[in-house]
Amino acid sequence: MAISFSCECGQEFKVNDSHAGKRIKCQACGNPVKIPALKAKKSNSDSGAVAAVSKSAKKKRAADEEEDPLVHSASEYDSAYEFDVGNVPMGKLIEDDDPDAPVGKNGKKKAKKGDEKPKKKKKKDEDAPNLILVAAFLILGLCSLSVLGYFGYKKFGGATDNTPLEKKFVVLKGPENVWSFEHPDDWKIEQASGGTGGKPPVVLMSGDGAIFRIKGSMGGSAVGSIAQATGGIAIPGADDGGAVGEDLSPETAVHEFQQQYFKADYSEFDEEPMQKLKLPYGEARMSVFTAKESFLSPKIKGYRVTFMDNNYQYNLRAYVPEAQWEKFEPIFKRMIMSITR
């Protein structure tokens, strides 16, 4: 059962009835407040006497307060409860009138079960992570990985559309009209020079991610002339280390000889067996190769072609990322097979 009471300053309190008759320090004004005692049931015969005593006590208290408003804190009717107000915590019991209360190891009296303050429960929501926020970050991370994986897969040889490109072809005449060939009309001519003044002709063009280049070389032509005159030439890396047999044409000799330069230009270079071609321009040799231009670049695949005339030997290379080879192979073949004088 709880006892409700208030301080003279107006501060209200509510305590367990086990504290009846004890004193607490008011949290508002700091003055001591006595907890009212439990009202005992009185008989009719005692009611008159109690009323008389109560009136007498009230008159004495009023008289004391008129003389000194603070006299009630040390008046004779409070003499049984003398204490140091300054050392009493606000709202705490000043004395314990219950001698039967259990005593703990530290000598202090233990509070009764009904007087124990309820322990605050930890809010699980404060410590637990926000599941919605965690899920949002996970979804965002998965989306980012998917996008990176998609573009990485495409750049480094992923699945692509290998349907051959439909192109409109036009004719390009080489420098000084040394030769000409067909090419897609939307491909960009990066370089077209040489052919006079002792400078070998060079043509470089690109389009749709493909590279097509023809470069002349006087040295290669000399190798072909030697092979034609001697019926053979020593090829670096040949199995027997010596001359190739009588069936070795100048085009074949030069094509095999130039392979060492391709191996020096690329890493992981590999080449399929050589094929003989009959171009409008003349005899030629062609090989399909795969290689890498750098450590981080995707693998490329293309044609390596060799053809000659009386002045120059020409090295042709046409390549794309290996995953797009089937799309560009027909275009490269048409360009190569259209080379004429």
C-alpha atoms as a PDB file:
ATOM      1  CA  MET A   1       0.000   0.000   0.000  1.00  0.00           C
ATOM      2  CA  ALA A   2       1.380   3.472  -0.903  1.00  0.00           C
ATOM      3  CA  ILE A   3       1.300   6.629   1.151  1.00  0.00           C
ATOM      4  CA  SER A   4       0.762   9.920  -0.693  1.00  0.00           C
ATOM      5  CA  PHE A   5       1.859  13.190   0.895  1.00  0.00           C
ATOM      6  CA  SER A   6       3.402  16.535  -0.001  1.00  0.00           C
ATOM      7  CA  CYS A   7       5.982  19.016   1.236  1.00  0.00           C
ATOM      8  CA  GLU A   8       4.986  22.498   2.364  1.00  0.00           C
ATOM      9  CA  CYS A   9       6.595  23.823  -0.821  1.00  0.00           C
ATOM     10  CA  GLY A  10       4.081  21.828  -2.859  1.00  0.00           C
ATOM     11  CA  GLN A  11       6.323  18.932  -3.953  1.00  0.00           C
ATOM     12  CA  GLU A  12       4.284  15.710  -3.929  1.00  0.00           C
ATOM     13  CA  PHE A  13       5.570  12.260  -2.874  1.00  0.00           C
ATOM     14  CA  LYS A  14       4.319   8.699  -2.966  1.00  0.00           C
ATOM     15  CA  VAL A  15       6.136   5.975  -1.033  1.00  0.00           C
ATOM     16  CA  ASN A  16       5.539   2.479   0.234  1.00  0.00           C
ATOM     17  CA  ASP A  17       3.718   2.287   3.556  1.00  0.00           C
ATOM     18  CA  SER A  18       6.740   0.468   5.022  1.00  0.00           C
ATOM     19  CA  HIS A  19       8.404   3.913   5.266  1.00  0.00           C
ATOM     20  CA  ALA A  20       5.631   5.364   7.419  1.00  0.00           C
ATOM     21  CA  GLY A  21       7.000   7.679  10.119  1.00  0.00           C
ATOM     22  CA  LYS A  22      10.401   8.136   8.385  1.00  0.00           C
ATOM     23  CA  ARG A  23      11.812  11.344   6.937  1.00  0.00           C
ATOM     24  CA  ILE A  24      13.083  12.256   3.509  1.00  0.00           C
ATOM     25  CA  LYS A  25      14.749  15.337   2.102  1.00  0.00           C
ATOM     26  CA  CYS A  26      12.507  17.300  -0.303  1.00  0.00           C
ATOM     27  CA  GLN A  27      13.855  17.282  -3.851  1.00  0.00           C
ATOM     28  CA  ALA A  28      12.440  20.743  -4.514  1.00  0.00           C
ATOM     29  CA  CYS A  29      13.292  22.884  -1.462  1.00  0.00           C
ATOM     30  CA  GLY A  30      15.780  20.688   0.406  1.00  0.00           C
ATOM     31  CA  ASN A  31      13.831  20.731   3.680  1.00  0.00           C
ATOM     32  CA  PRO A  32      13.077  17.547   5.594  1.00  0.00           C
ATOM     33  CA  VAL A  33       9.659  16.053   5.139  1.00  0.00           C
ATOM     34  CA  LYS A  34       8.142  13.533   7.515  1.00  0.00           C
ATOM     35  CA  ILE A  35       6.290  10.627   5.953  1.00  0.00           C
ATOM     36  CA  PRO A  36       2.853  10.421   7.574  1.00  0.00           C
ATOM     37  CA  ALA A  37       2.245   7.483   9.898  1.00  0.00           C
ATOM     38  CA  LEU A  38      -0.372   4.916   9.075  1.00  0.00           C
ATOM     39  CA  LYS A  39      -3.730   5.901  10.395  1.00  0.00           C
ATOM     40  CA  ALA A  40      -4.885   3.432  13.023  1.00  0.00           C
ATOM     41  CA  LYS A  41      -8.504   2.674  13.477  1.00  0.00           C
ATOM     42  CA  LYS A  42      -9.739   4.579  16.471  1.00  0.00           C
ATOM     43  CA  SER A  43     -12.698   3.810  18.623  1.00  0.00           C
ATOM     44  CA  ASN A  44     -15.408   6.358  19.194  1.00  0.00           C
ATOM     45  CA  SER A  45     -14.325   6.714  22.823  1.00  0.00           C
ATOM     46  CA  ASP A  46     -10.823   7.907  21.772  1.00  0.00           C
ATOM     47  CA  SER A  47     -11.890  10.231  19.002  1.00  0.00           C
ATOM     48  CA  GLY A  48     -12.527  13.143  21.317  1.00  0.00           C
ATOM     49  CA  ALA A  49      -9.127  12.870  23.005  1.00  0.00           C
ATOM     50  CA  VAL A  50      -7.281  12.542  19.694  1.00  0.00           C
ATOM     51  CA  ALA A  51      -9.082  15.545  18.316  1.00  0.00           C
ATOM     52  CA  ALA A  52      -8.175  17.594  21.357  1.00  0.00           C
ATOM     53  CA  VAL A  53      -4.476  16.629  21.123  1.00  0.00           C
ATOM     54  CA  SER A  54      -4.439  17.334  17.386  1.00  0.00           C
ATOM     55  CA  LYS A  55      -5.884  20.808  17.885  1.00  0.00           C
ATOM     56  CA  SER A  56      -3.392  21.562  20.646  1.00  0.00           C
ATOM     57  CA  ALA A  57      -0.442  20.459  18.451  1.00  0.00           C
ATOM     58  CA  LYS A  58      -1.617  22.556  15.551  1.00  0.00           C
ATOM     59  CA  LYS A  59      -1.956  25.677  17.732  1.00  0.00           C
ATOM     60  CA  LYS A  60       1.571  25.199  19.110  1.00  0.00           C
ATOM     61  CA  ARG A  61       3.042  24.671  15.629  1.00  0.00           C
ATOM     62  CA  ALA A  62       1.270  27.782  14.300  1.00  0.00           C
ATOM     63  CA  ALA A  63       2.615  29.828  17.179  1.00  0.00           C
ATOM     64  CA  ASP A  64       6.157  28.605  16.565  1.00  0.00           C
ATOM     65  CA  GLU A  65       5.956  29.397  12.846  1.00  0.00           C
ATOM     66  CA  GLU A  66       4.743  32.931  13.552  1.00  0.00           C
ATOM     67  CA  GLU A  67       7.794  33.494  15.702  1.00  0.00           C
ATOM     68  CA  ASP A  68      10.170  31.812  13.188  1.00  0.00           C
ATOM     69  CA  PRO A  69       8.974  30.204   9.910  1.00  0.00           C
ATOM     70  CA  LEU A  70      11.851  27.684  10.048  1.00  0.00           C
ATOM     71  CA  VAL A  71      11.324  26.681  13.663  1.00  0.00           C
ATOM     72  CA  HIS A  72       9.524  23.521  12.619  1.00  0.00           C
ATOM     73  CA  SER A  73      12.799  21.999  11.400  1.00  0.00           C
ATOM     74  CA  ALA A  74      14.159  21.973  14.985  1.00  0.00           C
ATOM     75  CA  SER A  75      11.102  22.431  17.179  1.00  0.00           C
ATOM     76  CA  GLU A  76      10.360  20.276  20.153  1.00  0.00           C
ATOM     77  CA  TYR A  77       7.942  18.074  18.292  1.00  0.00           C
ATOM     78  CA  ASP A  78      10.730  17.250  15.813  1.00  0.00           C
ATOM     79  CA  SER A  79      13.382  16.708  18.479  1.00  0.00           C
ATOM     80  CA  ALA A  80      13.227  12.958  18.003  1.00  0.00           C
ATOM     81  CA  TYR A  81      14.391  13.403  14.416  1.00  0.00           C
ATOM     82  CA  GLU A  82      17.479  15.533  14.684  1.00  0.00           C
ATOM     83  CA  PHE A  83      19.838  15.169  11.665  1.00  0.00           C
ATOM     84  CA  ASP A  84      22.217  17.047   9.404  1.00  0.00           C
ATOM     85  CA  VAL A  85      20.028  18.147   6.480  1.00  0.00           C
ATOM     86  CA  GLY A  86      23.034  19.092   4.308  1.00  0.00           C
ATOM     87  CA  ASN A  87      24.365  15.531   4.324  1.00  0.00           C
ATOM     88  CA  VAL A  88      21.100  13.878   3.303  1.00  0.00           C
ATOM     89  CA  PRO A  89      20.627  13.172  -0.447  1.00  0.00           C
ATOM     90  CA  MET A  90      17.560  14.686  -2.047  1.00  0.00           C
ATOM     91  CA  GLY A  91      14.549  12.407  -1.887  1.00  0.00           C
ATOM     92  CA  LYS A  92      16.375   9.811   0.266  1.00  0.00           C
ATOM     93  CA  LEU A  93      15.206   8.443   3.603  1.00  0.00           C
ATOM     94  CA  ILE A  94      16.769  10.292   6.552  1.00  0.00           C
ATOM     95  CA  GLU A  95      16.324   7.510   9.063  1.00  0.00           C
ATOM     96  CA  ASP A  96      15.076   3.984   9.182  1.00  0.00           C
ATOM     97  CA  ASP A  97      12.580   3.257  11.875  1.00  0.00           C
ATOM     98  CA  ASP A  98      12.452  -0.449  11.041  1.00  0.00           C
ATOM     99  CA  PRO A  99      14.866  -2.321  13.351  1.00  0.00           C
ATOM    100  CA  ASP A 100      13.913  -5.668  11.821  1.00  0.00           C
ATOM    101  CA  ALA A 101      15.258  -4.805   8.350  1.00  0.00           C
ATOM    102  CA  PRO A 102      17.998  -7.296   7.186  1.00  0.00           C
ATOM    103  CA  VAL A 103      21.607  -6.091   7.289  1.00  0.00           C
ATOM    104  CA  GLY A 104      24.059  -6.755   4.427  1.00  0.00           C
ATOM    105  CA  LYS A 105      27.797  -7.569   4.545  1.00  0.00           C
ATOM    106  CA  ASN A 106      28.712  -3.879   4.422  1.00  0.00           C
ATOM    107  CA  GLY A 107      26.602  -3.159   7.558  1.00  0.00           C
ATOM    108  CA  LYS A 108      23.894  -1.378   5.638  1.00  0.00           C
ATOM    109  CA  LYS A 109      20.295  -2.451   5.875  1.00  0.00           C
ATOM    110  CA  LYS A 110      18.920  -4.171   2.840  1.00  0.00           C
ATOM    111  CA  ALA A 111      15.839  -2.780   1.202  1.00  0.00           C
ATOM    112  CA  LYS A 112      12.703  -4.825   1.285  1.00  0.00           C
ATOM    113  CA  LYS A 113      11.467  -6.466  -1.887  1.00  0.00           C
ATOM    114  CA  GLY A 114       8.668  -3.958  -2.231  1.00  0.00           C
ATOM    115  CA  ASP A 115      11.112  -1.027  -1.902  1.00  0.00           C
ATOM    116  CA  GLU A 116      13.639  -2.133  -4.536  1.00  0.00           C
ATOM    117  CA  LYS A 117      13.815   0.093  -7.558  1.00  0.00           C
ATOM    118  CA  PRO A 118      13.052  -1.702 -10.806  1.00  0.00           C
ATOM    119  CA  LYS A 119      16.168  -2.249 -12.903  1.00  0.00           C
ATOM    120  CA  LYS A 120      16.163  -0.543 -16.250  1.00  0.00           C
ATOM    121  CA  LYS A 121      16.084  -2.959 -19.119  1.00  0.00           C
ATOM    122  CA  LYS A 122      18.579  -2.437 -21.878  1.00  0.00           C
ATOM    123  CA  LYS A 123      16.995  -1.350 -25.066  1.00  0.00           C
ATOM    124  CA  LYS A 124      17.890  -3.981 -27.587  1.00  0.00           C
ATOM    125  CA  ASP A 125      16.973  -1.687 -30.459  1.00  0.00           C
ATOM    126  CA  GLU A 126      19.757   0.737 -29.499  1.00  0.00           C
ATOM    127  CA  ASP A 127      22.484  -1.894 -29.761  1.00  0.00           C
ATOM    128  CA  ALA A 128      21.082  -3.921 -32.644  1.00  0.00           C
ATOM    129  CA  PRO A 129      22.033  -2.783 -36.185  1.00  0.00           C
ATOM    130  CA  ASN A 130      19.387  -1.331 -38.432  1.00  0.00           C
ATOM    131  CA  LEU A 131      18.446  -4.312 -40.602  1.00  0.00           C
ATOM    132  CA  ILE A 132      16.926  -2.155 -43.325  1.00  0.00           C
ATOM    133  CA  LEU A 133      20.122  -0.098 -43.629  1.00  0.00           C
ATOM    134  CA  VAL A 134      22.301  -3.223 -43.708  1.00  0.00           C
ATOM    135  CA  ALA A 135      20.117  -4.767 -46.421  1.00  0.00           C
ATOM    136  CA  ALA A 136      20.298  -1.555 -48.481  1.00  0.00           C
ATOM    137  CA  PHE A 137      24.111  -1.552 -48.344  1.00  0.00           C
ATOM    138  CA  LEU A 138      24.242  -5.222 -49.319  1.00  0.00           C
ATOM    139  CA  ILE A 139      21.985  -4.654 -52.330  1.00  0.00           C
ATOM    140  CA  LEU A 140      24.038  -1.617 -53.380  1.00  0.00           C
ATOM    141  CA  GLY A 141      27.250  -3.626 -53.114  1.00  0.00           C
ATOM    142  CA  LEU A 142      25.860  -6.493 -55.189  1.00  0.00           C
ATOM    143  CA  CYS A 143      24.663  -4.078 -57.888  1.00  0.00           C
ATOM    144  CA  SER A 144      28.100  -2.432 -58.035  1.00  0.00           C
ATOM    145  CA  LEU A 145      29.824  -5.806 -58.373  1.00  0.00           C
ATOM    146  CA  SER A 146      27.405  -6.824 -61.120  1.00  0.00           C
ATOM    147  CA  VAL A 147      28.084  -3.651 -63.125  1.00  0.00           C
ATOM    148  CA  LEU A 148      31.852  -4.004 -62.726  1.00  0.00           C
ATOM    149  CA  GLY A 149      31.666  -7.661 -63.680  1.00  0.00           C
ATOM    150  CA  TYR A 150      29.616  -6.892 -66.790  1.00  0.00           C
ATOM    151  CA  PHE A 151      31.994  -4.238 -68.142  1.00  0.00           C
ATOM    152  CA  GLY A 152      35.047  -6.243 -67.151  1.00  0.00           C
ATOM    153  CA  TYR A 153      33.655  -9.309 -68.889  1.00  0.00           C
ATOM    154  CA  LYS A 154      33.086  -7.309 -72.070  1.00  0.00           C
ATOM    155  CA  LYS A 155      36.480  -5.582 -71.989  1.00  0.00           C
ATOM    156  CA  PHE A 156      38.568  -8.640 -71.184  1.00  0.00           C
ATOM    157  CA  GLY A 157      37.086 -11.066 -73.624  1.00  0.00           C
ATOM    158  CA  GLY A 158      33.575 -11.717 -72.416  1.00  0.00           C
ATOM    159  CA  ALA A 159      30.646 -12.915 -74.493  1.00  0.00           C
ATOM    160  CA  THR A 160      29.811 -10.579 -77.386  1.00  0.00           C
ATOM    161  CA  ASP A 161      27.558 -10.470 -80.389  1.00  0.00           C
ATOM    162  CA  ASN A 162      29.555 -12.257 -83.112  1.00  0.00           C
ATOM    163  CA  THR A 163      27.156 -11.510 -85.929  1.00  0.00           C
ATOM    164  CA  PRO A 164      29.317 -10.300 -88.887  1.00  0.00           C
ATOM    165  CA  LEU A 165      29.134  -6.554 -89.392  1.00  0.00           C
ATOM    166  CA  GLU A 166      27.321  -5.194 -92.434  1.00  0.00           C
ATOM    167  CA  LYS A 167      29.575  -2.564 -93.972  1.00  0.00           C
ATOM    168  CA  LYS A 168      29.713  -0.394 -97.074  1.00  0.00           C
ATOM    169  CA  PHE A 169      33.159  -0.676 -98.693  1.00  0.00           C
ATOM    170  CA  VAL A 170      35.132   1.943-100.604  1.00  0.00           C
ATOM    171  CA  VAL A 171      38.527   1.783-102.345  1.00  0.00           C
ATOM    172  CA  LEU A 172      41.642   3.327-100.837  1.00  0.00           C
ATOM    173  CA  LYS A 173      44.670   3.942-103.033  1.00  0.00           C
ATOM    174  CA  GLY A 174      47.920   3.498-101.151  1.00  0.00           C
ATOM    175  CA  PRO A 175      50.649   6.164-100.982  1.00  0.00           C
ATOM    176  CA  GLU A 176      51.851   7.071-104.465  1.00  0.00           C
ATOM    177  CA  ASN A 177      49.364   4.530-105.841  1.00  0.00           C
ATOM    178  CA  VAL A 178      51.684   1.665-104.912  1.00  0.00           C
ATOM    179  CA  TRP A 179      48.635  -0.523-104.279  1.00  0.00           C
ATOM    180  CA  SER A 180      44.943  -0.167-103.388  1.00  0.00           C
ATOM    181  CA  PHE A 181      42.357  -2.123-101.453  1.00  0.00           C
ATOM    182  CA  GLU A 182      38.758  -1.975-100.210  1.00  0.00           C
ATOM    183  CA  HIS A 183      37.855  -0.920 -96.666  1.00  0.00           C
ATOM    184  CA  PRO A 184      34.732   0.006 -94.640  1.00  0.00           C
ATOM    185  CA  ASP A 185      33.764   3.584 -95.486  1.00  0.00           C
ATOM    186  CA  ASP A 186      33.351   4.573 -91.801  1.00  0.00           C
ATOM    187  CA  TRP A 187      36.827   3.443 -90.711  1.00  0.00           C
ATOM    188  CA  LYS A 188      39.318   6.190 -89.916  1.00  0.00           C
ATOM    189  CA  ILE A 189      42.588   6.484 -91.843  1.00  0.00           C
ATOM    190  CA  GLU A 190      45.179   7.214 -89.157  1.00  0.00           C
ATOM    191  CA  GLN A 191      48.212   7.326 -91.475  1.00  0.00           C
ATOM    192  CA  ALA A 192      48.953   7.132 -95.218  1.00  0.00           C
ATOM    193  CA  SER A 193      52.504   8.079 -96.116  1.00  0.00           C
ATOM    194  CA  GLY A 194      55.768   7.044 -97.801  1.00  0.00           C
ATOM    195  CA  GLY A 195      56.282   5.392-101.164  1.00  0.00           C
ATOM    196  CA  THR A 196      58.764   8.010-102.431  1.00  0.00           C
ATOM    197  CA  GLY A 197      62.163   9.350-101.464  1.00  0.00           C
ATOM    198  CA  GLY A 198      63.258   5.974-100.158  1.00  0.00           C
ATOM    199  CA  LYS A 199      60.494   5.920 -97.522  1.00  0.00           C
ATOM    200  CA  PRO A 200      58.452   2.677 -97.434  1.00  0.00           C
ATOM    201  CA  PRO A 201      54.681   3.126 -97.835  1.00  0.00           C
ATOM    202  CA  VAL A 202      52.586   2.862 -94.648  1.00  0.00           C
ATOM    203  CA  VAL A 203      48.813   2.747 -94.201  1.00  0.00           C
ATOM    204  CA  LEU A 204      47.134   2.559 -90.781  1.00  0.00           C
ATOM    205  CA  MET A 205      43.374   2.605 -90.196  1.00  0.00           C
ATOM    206  CA  SER A 206      40.994   1.735 -87.376  1.00  0.00           C
ATOM    207  CA  GLY A 207      37.290   1.304 -86.808  1.00  0.00           C
ATOM    208  CA  ASP A 208      34.855  -0.476 -84.478  1.00  0.00           C
ATOM    209  CA  GLY A 209      37.804  -1.469 -82.258  1.00  0.00           C
ATOM    210  CA  ALA A 210      39.735  -3.131 -85.122  1.00  0.00           C
ATOM    211  CA  ILE A 211      43.251  -2.278 -86.378  1.00  0.00           C
ATOM    212  CA  PHE A 212      44.450  -2.706 -89.981  1.00  0.00           C
ATOM    213  CA  ARG A 213      48.009  -1.811 -91.005  1.00  0.00           C
ATOM    214  CA  ILE A 214      50.263  -2.350 -94.046  1.00  0.00           C
ATOM    215  CA  LYS A 215      53.910  -1.374 -93.731  1.00  0.00           C
ATOM    216  CA  GLY A 216      56.617  -1.696 -96.376  1.00  0.00           C
ATOM    217  CA  SER A 217      60.187  -2.781 -95.694  1.00  0.00           C
ATOM    218  CA  MET A 218      63.206  -2.711 -97.984  1.00  0.00           C
ATOM    219  CA  GLY A 219      65.061  -5.145 -95.754  1.00  0.00           C
ATOM    220  CA  GLY A 220      62.348  -7.741 -96.112  1.00  0.00           C
ATOM    221  CA  SER A 221      62.515  -7.421 -99.874  1.00  0.00           C
ATOM    222  CA  ALA A 222      66.246  -8.107 -99.760  1.00  0.00           C
ATOM    223  CA  VAL A 223      65.603 -11.291 -97.771  1.00  0.00           C
ATOM    224  CA  GLY A 224      63.186 -12.392-100.480  1.00  0.00           C
ATOM    225  CA  SER A 225      65.695 -11.694-103.222  1.00  0.00           C
ATOM    226  CA  ILE A 226      68.346 -13.751-101.453  1.00  0.00           C
ATOM    227  CA  ALA A 227      65.948 -16.636-100.980  1.00  0.00           C
ATOM    228  CA  GLN A 228      64.931 -16.511-104.637  1.00  0.00           C
ATOM    229  CA  ALA A 229      68.555 -16.493-105.785  1.00  0.00           C
ATOM    230  CA  THR A 230      69.824 -19.238-103.471  1.00  0.00           C
ATOM    231  CA  GLY A 231      66.753 -21.455-103.286  1.00  0.00           C
ATOM    232  CA  GLY A 232      66.663 -21.225 -99.497  1.00  0.00           C
ATOM    233  CA  ILE A 233      67.490 -19.111 -96.461  1.00  0.00           C
ATOM    234  CA  ALA A 234      68.317 -19.723 -92.809  1.00  0.00           C
ATOM    235  CA  ILE A 235      65.218 -19.080 -90.685  1.00  0.00           C
ATOM    236  CA  PRO A 236      65.697 -18.233 -86.991  1.00  0.00           C
ATOM    237  CA  GLY A 237      64.175 -20.991 -84.878  1.00  0.00           C
ATOM    238  CA  ALA A 238      64.043 -23.544 -87.716  1.00  0.00           C
ATOM    239  CA  ASP A 239      64.272 -27.160 -86.509  1.00  0.00           C
ATOM    240  CA  ASP A 240      67.398 -28.004 -88.524  1.00  0.00           C
ATOM    241  CA  GLY A 241      69.027 -24.621 -87.979  1.00  0.00           C
ATOM    242  CA  GLY A 242      69.888 -24.394 -91.677  1.00  0.00           C
ATOM    243  CA  ALA A 243      68.428 -23.618 -95.048  1.00  0.00           C
ATOM    244  CA  VAL A 244      64.886 -24.421 -95.985  1.00  0.00           C
ATOM    245  CA  GLY A 245      64.387 -26.767 -98.926  1.00  0.00           C
ATOM    246  CA  GLU A 246      64.055 -25.947-102.620  1.00  0.00           C
ATOM    247  CA  ASP A 247      60.281 -25.439-102.352  1.00  0.00           C
ATOM    248  CA  LEU A 248      60.815 -22.339-100.158  1.00  0.00           C
ATOM    249  CA  SER A 249      59.581 -19.309-102.116  1.00  0.00           C
ATOM    250  CA  PRO A 250      60.677 -15.722-101.332  1.00  0.00           C
ATOM    251  CA  GLU A 251      57.242 -14.957 -99.842  1.00  0.00           C
ATOM    252  CA  THR A 252      57.489 -17.957 -97.528  1.00  0.00           C
ATOM    253  CA  ALA A 253      61.046 -17.115 -96.491  1.00  0.00           C
ATOM    254  CA  VAL A 254      60.169 -13.529 -95.652  1.00  0.00           C
ATOM    255  CA  HIS A 255      56.939 -14.548 -93.870  1.00  0.00           C
ATOM    256  CA  GLU A 256      58.836 -16.974 -91.629  1.00  0.00           C
ATOM    257  CA  PHE A 257      61.649 -14.491 -91.096  1.00  0.00           C
ATOM    258  CA  GLN A 258      59.251 -11.722 -89.981  1.00  0.00           C
ATOM    259  CA  GLN A 259      57.689 -13.937 -87.313  1.00  0.00           C
ATOM    260  CA  GLN A 260      60.523 -13.107 -84.907  1.00  0.00           C
ATOM    261  CA  TYR A 261      59.571  -9.421 -84.982  1.00  0.00           C
ATOM    262  CA  PHE A 262      55.962 -10.199 -84.167  1.00  0.00           C
ATOM    263  CA  LYS A 263      57.108 -12.279 -81.198  1.00  0.00           C
ATOM    264  CA  ALA A 264      59.137  -9.278 -80.018  1.00  0.00           C
ATOM    265  CA  ASP A 265      56.166  -6.891 -80.386  1.00  0.00           C
ATOM    266  CA  TYR A 266      53.680  -9.035 -78.453  1.00  0.00           C
ATOM    267  CA  SER A 267      53.566 -11.320 -75.424  1.00  0.00           C
ATOM    268  CA  GLU A 268      52.042 -14.815 -75.413  1.00  0.00           C
ATOM    269  CA  PHE A 269      52.384 -14.862 -79.195  1.00  0.00           C
ATOM    270  CA  ASP A 270      51.103 -17.996 -80.918  1.00  0.00           C
ATOM    271  CA  GLU A 271      50.494 -18.680 -84.602  1.00  0.00           C
ATOM    272  CA  GLU A 272      48.628 -21.215 -86.723  1.00  0.00           C
ATOM    273  CA  PRO A 273      50.249 -22.888 -89.753  1.00  0.00           C
ATOM    274  CA  MET A 274      50.917 -20.603 -92.715  1.00  0.00           C
ATOM    275  CA  GLN A 275      48.535 -20.477 -95.706  1.00  0.00           C
ATOM    276  CA  LYS A 276      49.358 -19.590 -99.333  1.00  0.00           C
ATOM    277  CA  LEU A 277      47.289 -16.823-100.931  1.00  0.00           C
ATOM    278  CA  LYS A 278      46.932 -15.621-104.515  1.00  0.00           C
ATOM    279  CA  LEU A 279      46.064 -11.928-104.337  1.00  0.00           C
ATOM    280  CA  PRO A 280      45.354  -9.613-107.295  1.00  0.00           C
ATOM    281  CA  TYR A 281      48.641  -8.035-106.258  1.00  0.00           C
ATOM    282  CA  GLY A 282      50.540 -11.370-106.449  1.00  0.00           C
ATOM    283  CA  GLU A 283      51.717 -14.248-104.266  1.00  0.00           C
ATOM    284  CA  ALA A 284      51.185 -13.865-100.485  1.00  0.00           C
ATOM    285  CA  ARG A 285      51.445 -15.847 -97.251  1.00  0.00           C
ATOM    286  CA  MET A 286      49.011 -15.577 -94.343  1.00  0.00           C
ATOM    287  CA  SER A 287      48.874 -16.851 -90.734  1.00  0.00           C
ATOM    288  CA  VAL A 288      46.309 -16.492 -87.970  1.00  0.00           C
ATOM    289  CA  PHE A 289      47.866 -15.410 -84.680  1.00  0.00           C
ATOM    290  CA  THR A 290      46.881 -14.705 -81.067  1.00  0.00           C
ATOM    291  CA  ALA A 291      48.809 -12.529 -78.626  1.00  0.00           C
ATOM    292  CA  LYS A 292      48.617  -9.865 -75.912  1.00  0.00           C
ATOM    293  CA  GLU A 293      49.717  -6.247 -76.381  1.00  0.00           C
ATOM    294  CA  SER A 294      50.326  -5.775 -72.640  1.00  0.00           C
ATOM    295  CA  PHE A 295      49.978  -7.647 -69.367  1.00  0.00           C
ATOM    296  CA  LEU A 296      46.543  -6.219 -68.528  1.00  0.00           C
ATOM    297  CA  SER A 297      45.146  -5.995 -72.061  1.00  0.00           C
ATOM    298  CA  PRO A 298      42.713  -8.581 -73.438  1.00  0.00           C
ATOM    299  CA  LYS A 299      44.014 -11.188 -75.847  1.00  0.00           C
ATOM    300  CA  ILE A 300      43.901 -10.256 -79.531  1.00  0.00           C
ATOM    301  CA  LYS A 301      43.461 -12.362 -82.643  1.00  0.00           C
ATOM    302  CA  GLY A 302      44.239 -11.457 -86.210  1.00  0.00           C
ATOM    303  CA  TYR A 303      45.860 -12.069 -89.606  1.00  0.00           C
ATOM    304  CA  ARG A 304      49.546 -11.665 -90.392  1.00  0.00           C
ATOM    305  CA  VAL A 305      50.132 -11.394 -94.156  1.00  0.00           C
ATOM    306  CA  THR A 306      53.296 -11.038 -96.244  1.00  0.00           C
ATOM    307  CA  PHE A 307      53.425  -9.975 -99.944  1.00  0.00           C
ATOM    308  CA  MET A 308      56.156  -8.420-102.102  1.00  0.00           C
ATOM    309  CA  ASP A 309      57.061  -6.456-105.210  1.00  0.00           C
ATOM    310  CA  ASN A 310      60.357  -5.465-106.798  1.00  0.00           C
ATOM    311  CA  ASN A 311      60.961  -2.616-104.351  1.00  0.00           C
ATOM    312  CA  TYR A 312      59.385  -3.543-101.032  1.00  0.00           C
ATOM    313  CA  GLN A 313      58.248  -6.419 -98.887  1.00  0.00           C
ATOM    314  CA  TYR A 314      54.950  -5.648 -97.104  1.00  0.00           C
ATOM    315  CA  ASN A 315      53.862  -6.780 -93.659  1.00  0.00           C
ATOM    316  CA  LEU A 316      50.124  -6.652 -93.013  1.00  0.00           C
ATOM    317  CA  ARG A 317      48.527  -7.096 -89.611  1.00  0.00           C
ATOM    318  CA  ALA A 318      44.775  -6.936 -88.942  1.00  0.00           C
ATOM    319  CA  TYR A 319      43.456  -7.742 -85.461  1.00  0.00           C
ATOM    320  CA  VAL A 320      40.696  -7.269 -82.850  1.00  0.00           C
ATOM    321  CA  PRO A 321      40.027  -8.550 -79.313  1.00  0.00           C
ATOM    322  CA  GLU A 322      39.868 -12.330 -79.559  1.00  0.00           C
ATOM    323  CA  ALA A 323      36.214 -12.450 -78.452  1.00  0.00           C
ATOM    324  CA  GLN A 324      35.215 -10.372 -81.517  1.00  0.00           C
ATOM    325  CA  TRP A 325      37.194 -12.342 -84.080  1.00  0.00           C
ATOM    326  CA  GLU A 326      34.206 -14.025 -85.733  1.00  0.00           C
ATOM    327  CA  LYS A 327      32.529 -10.649 -86.241  1.00  0.00           C
ATOM    328  CA  PHE A 328      35.533  -9.065 -88.008  1.00  0.00           C
ATOM    329  CA  GLU A 329      37.136 -12.009 -89.828  1.00  0.00           C
ATOM    330  CA  PRO A 330      34.952 -11.597 -92.979  1.00  0.00           C
ATOM    331  CA  ILE A 331      35.815  -7.880 -93.144  1.00  0.00           C
ATOM    332  CA  PHE A 332      39.548  -8.563 -92.818  1.00  0.00           C
ATOM    333  CA  LYS A 333      39.415 -11.255 -95.514  1.00  0.00           C
ATOM    334  CA  ARG A 334      37.665  -8.974 -97.977  1.00  0.00           C
ATOM    335  CA  MET A 335      40.181  -6.197 -97.363  1.00  0.00           C
ATOM    336  CA  ILE A 336      43.156  -8.570 -97.790  1.00  0.00           C
ATOM    337  CA  MET A 337      41.820 -10.315-100.877  1.00  0.00           C
ATOM    338  CA  SER A 338      41.117  -6.958-102.574  1.00  0.00           C
ATOM    339  CA  ILE A 339      44.746  -5.763-102.476  1.00  0.00           C
ATOM    340  CA  THR A 340      45.819  -4.965-106.040  1.00  0.00           C
ATOM    341  CA  ARG A 341      48.332  -2.832-107.914  1.00  0.00           C
END
